[in-house]
C-alpha atoms as a PDB file:
ATOM      1  CA  MET A   1     101.348  77.819  80.060  1.00  0.00           C
ATOM      2  CA  SER A   2      98.062  79.481  79.179  1.00  0.00           C
ATOM      3  CA  VAL A   3      96.707  80.123  75.706  1.00  0.00           C
ATOM      4  CA  GLU A   4      97.231  83.828  76.290  1.00  0.00           C
ATOM      5  CA  GLN A   5     100.900  83.252  77.141  1.00  0.00           C
ATOM      6  CA  ILE A   6     101.376  81.102  74.035  1.00  0.00           C
ATOM      7  CA  GLU A   7      99.698  83.765  71.911  1.00  0.00           C
ATOM      8  CA  ALA A   8     101.883  86.523  73.349  1.00  0.00           C
ATOM      9  CA  THR A   9     105.011  84.438  72.753  1.00  0.00           C
ATOM     10  CA  LEU A  10     104.021  83.632  69.177  1.00  0.00           C
ATOM     11  CA  LEU A  11     103.321  87.263  68.395  1.00  0.00           C
ATOM     12  CA  LYS A  12     106.845  88.152  69.511  1.00  0.00           C
ATOM     13  CA  LEU A  13     108.286  85.869  66.808  1.00  0.00           C
ATOM     14  CA  SER A  14     109.231  87.185  63.403  1.00  0.00           C
ATOM     15  CA  ARG A  15     106.814  86.657  60.537  1.00  0.00           C
ATOM     16  CA  LEU A  16     109.047  83.885  59.144  1.00  0.00           C
ATOM     17  CA  GLU A  17     109.209  82.109  62.501  1.00  0.00           C
ATOM     18  CA  ARG A  18     105.404  82.333  62.880  1.00  0.00           C
ATOM     19  CA  ARG A  19     105.013  80.804  59.427  1.00  0.00           C
ATOM     20  CA  LYS A  20     107.408  77.987  60.362  1.00  0.00           C
ATOM     21  CA  PHE A  21     105.409  77.395  63.528  1.00  0.00           C
ATOM     22  CA  ALA A  22     102.126  77.369  61.588  1.00  0.00           C
ATOM     23  CA  VAL A  23     103.509  74.707  59.237  1.00  0.00           C
ATOM     24  CA  TRP A  24     104.822  72.693  62.173  1.00  0.00           C
ATOM     25  CA  PHE A  25     101.455  72.939  63.967  1.00  0.00           C
ATOM     26  CA  TYR A  26      99.600  71.826  60.838  1.00  0.00           C
ATOM     27  CA  LEU A  27     101.901  68.827  60.391  1.00  0.00           C
ATOM     28  CA  HIS A  28     101.551  67.801  64.049  1.00  0.00           C
ATOM     29  CA  GLU A  29      97.916  68.737  64.636  1.00  0.00           C
ATOM     30  CA  ASP A  30      96.761  65.128  64.991  1.00  0.00           C
ATOM     31  CA  GLU A  31      99.358  64.546  67.696  1.00  0.00           C
ATOM     32  CA  ILE A  32      98.351  67.712  69.543  1.00  0.00           C
ATOM     33  CA  LEU A  33      94.595  67.393  69.062  1.00  0.00           C
ATOM     34  CA  ASP A  34      93.765  63.684  69.201  1.00  0.00           C
ATOM     35  CA  PRO A  35      90.749  63.301  66.880  1.00  0.00           C
ATOM     36  CA  ARG A  36      89.483  60.472  69.084  1.00  0.00           C
ATOM     37  CA  GLU A  37      88.973  63.045  71.829  1.00  0.00           C
ATOM     38  CA  ASP A  38      86.706  65.232  69.716  1.00  0.00           C
ATOM     39  CA  ASP A  39      84.321  66.959  72.131  1.00  0.00           C
ATOM     40  CA  ASP A  40      82.520  68.991  69.483  1.00  0.00           C
ATOM     41  CA  VAL A  41      79.956  66.259  68.835  1.00  0.00           C
ATOM     42  CA  SER A  42      77.338  65.721  71.516  1.00  0.00           C
ATOM     43  CA  PRO A  43      76.571  62.206  72.777  1.00  0.00           C
ATOM     44  CA  GLU A  44      73.108  62.488  71.205  1.00  0.00           C
ATOM     45  CA  VAL A  45      74.541  63.243  67.771  1.00  0.00           C
ATOM     46  CA  LYS A  46      77.113  60.458  68.105  1.00  0.00           C
ATOM     47  CA  ALA A  47      74.327  58.032  69.035  1.00  0.00           C
ATOM     48  CA  GLU A  48      72.256  59.156  66.025  1.00  0.00           C
ATOM     49  CA  ILE A  49      75.183  58.732  63.640  1.00  0.00           C
ATOM     50  CA  LEU A  50      76.013  55.293  64.992  1.00  0.00           C
ATOM     51  CA  GLY A  51      72.355  54.271  64.874  1.00  0.00           C
ATOM     52  CA  ARG A  52      72.070  55.326  61.232  1.00  0.00           C
ATOM     53  CA  ARG A  53      75.288  53.459  60.436  1.00  0.00           C
ATOM     54  CA  GLU A  54      73.940  50.291  62.023  1.00  0.00           C
ATOM     55  CA  ALA A  55      70.656  50.653  60.122  1.00  0.00           C
ATOM     56  CA  ALA A  56      72.509  51.162  56.844  1.00  0.00           C
ATOM     57  CA  LEU A  57      74.662  48.096  57.430  1.00  0.00           C
ATOM     58  CA  ALA A  58      71.659  46.002  58.458  1.00  0.00           C
ATOM     59  CA  HIS A  59      69.465  47.130  55.527  1.00  0.00           C
ATOM     60  CA  PRO A  60      71.594  48.322  52.586  1.00  0.00           C
ATOM     61  CA  GLU A  61      68.620  47.844  50.272  1.00  0.00           C
ATOM     62  CA  LEU A  62      67.002  50.925  51.839  1.00  0.00           C
ATOM     63  CA  LEU A  63      69.883  53.208  50.892  1.00  0.00           C
ATOM     64  CA  GLU A  64      69.713  55.533  47.913  1.00  0.00           C
ATOM     65  CA  PRO A  65      72.667  55.904  45.545  1.00  0.00           C
ATOM     66  CA  TRP A  66      74.450  59.245  45.525  1.00  0.00           C
ATOM     67  CA  GLY A  67      75.472  59.078  41.877  1.00  0.00           C
ATOM     68  CA  ASP A  68      72.527  61.043  40.517  1.00  0.00           C
ATOM     69  CA  THR A  69      71.765  63.129  43.606  1.00  0.00           C
ATOM     70  CA  SER A  70      72.503  66.491  41.979  1.00  0.00           C
ATOM     71  CA  GLU A  71      70.304  65.649  38.998  1.00  0.00           C
ATOM     72  CA  ARG A  72      67.418  64.564  41.254  1.00  0.00           C
ATOM     73  CA  LEU A  73      67.715  67.732  43.359  1.00  0.00           C
ATOM     74  CA  ARG A  74      67.838  69.900  40.258  1.00  0.00           C
ATOM     75  CA  ALA A  75      64.697  68.198  38.934  1.00  0.00           C
ATOM     76  CA  GLN A  76      62.892  68.725  42.248  1.00  0.00           C
ATOM     77  CA  LEU A  77      63.884  72.405  42.347  1.00  0.00           C
ATOM     78  CA  ASN A  78      62.755  72.888  38.750  1.00  0.00           C
ATOM     79  CA  GLU A  79      59.400  71.311  39.615  1.00  0.00           C
ATOM     80  CA  ILE A  80      58.973  73.662  42.587  1.00  0.00           C
ATOM     81  CA  ARG A  81      59.817  76.654  40.373  1.00  0.00           C
ATOM     82  CA  ARG A  82      57.358  75.448  37.728  1.00  0.00           C
ATOM     83  CA  GLN A  83      54.573  75.117  40.328  1.00  0.00           C
ATOM     84  CA  LYS A  84      55.319  78.607  41.686  1.00  0.00           C
ATOM     85  CA  ALA A  85      55.262  80.069  38.180  1.00  0.00           C
ATOM     86  CA  GLU A  86      51.902  78.404  37.439  1.00  0.00           C
ATOM     87  CA  ALA A  87      50.440  79.737  40.696  1.00  0.00           C
ATOM     88  CA  ARG A  88      51.126  83.343  39.642  1.00  0.00           C
END
């Protein structure tokens, strides 16, 4: 059965039946779409992610904590704004 045939069949259902199907699909999505077969990520990106993971595990002392990330970013943005205001 093609996607178009499935779509046509679903659209023939009542609104209630389509809602029931949507709930069923959501609950069974992992069975239908095996996350281990995710093709959206290229081999290059997967390799980069795995390489960074290995580096982080090998050298945890090089990692930065996330706890104060928003404060550090805010401070950096404020500094950029200050420099722009002084340049005017």
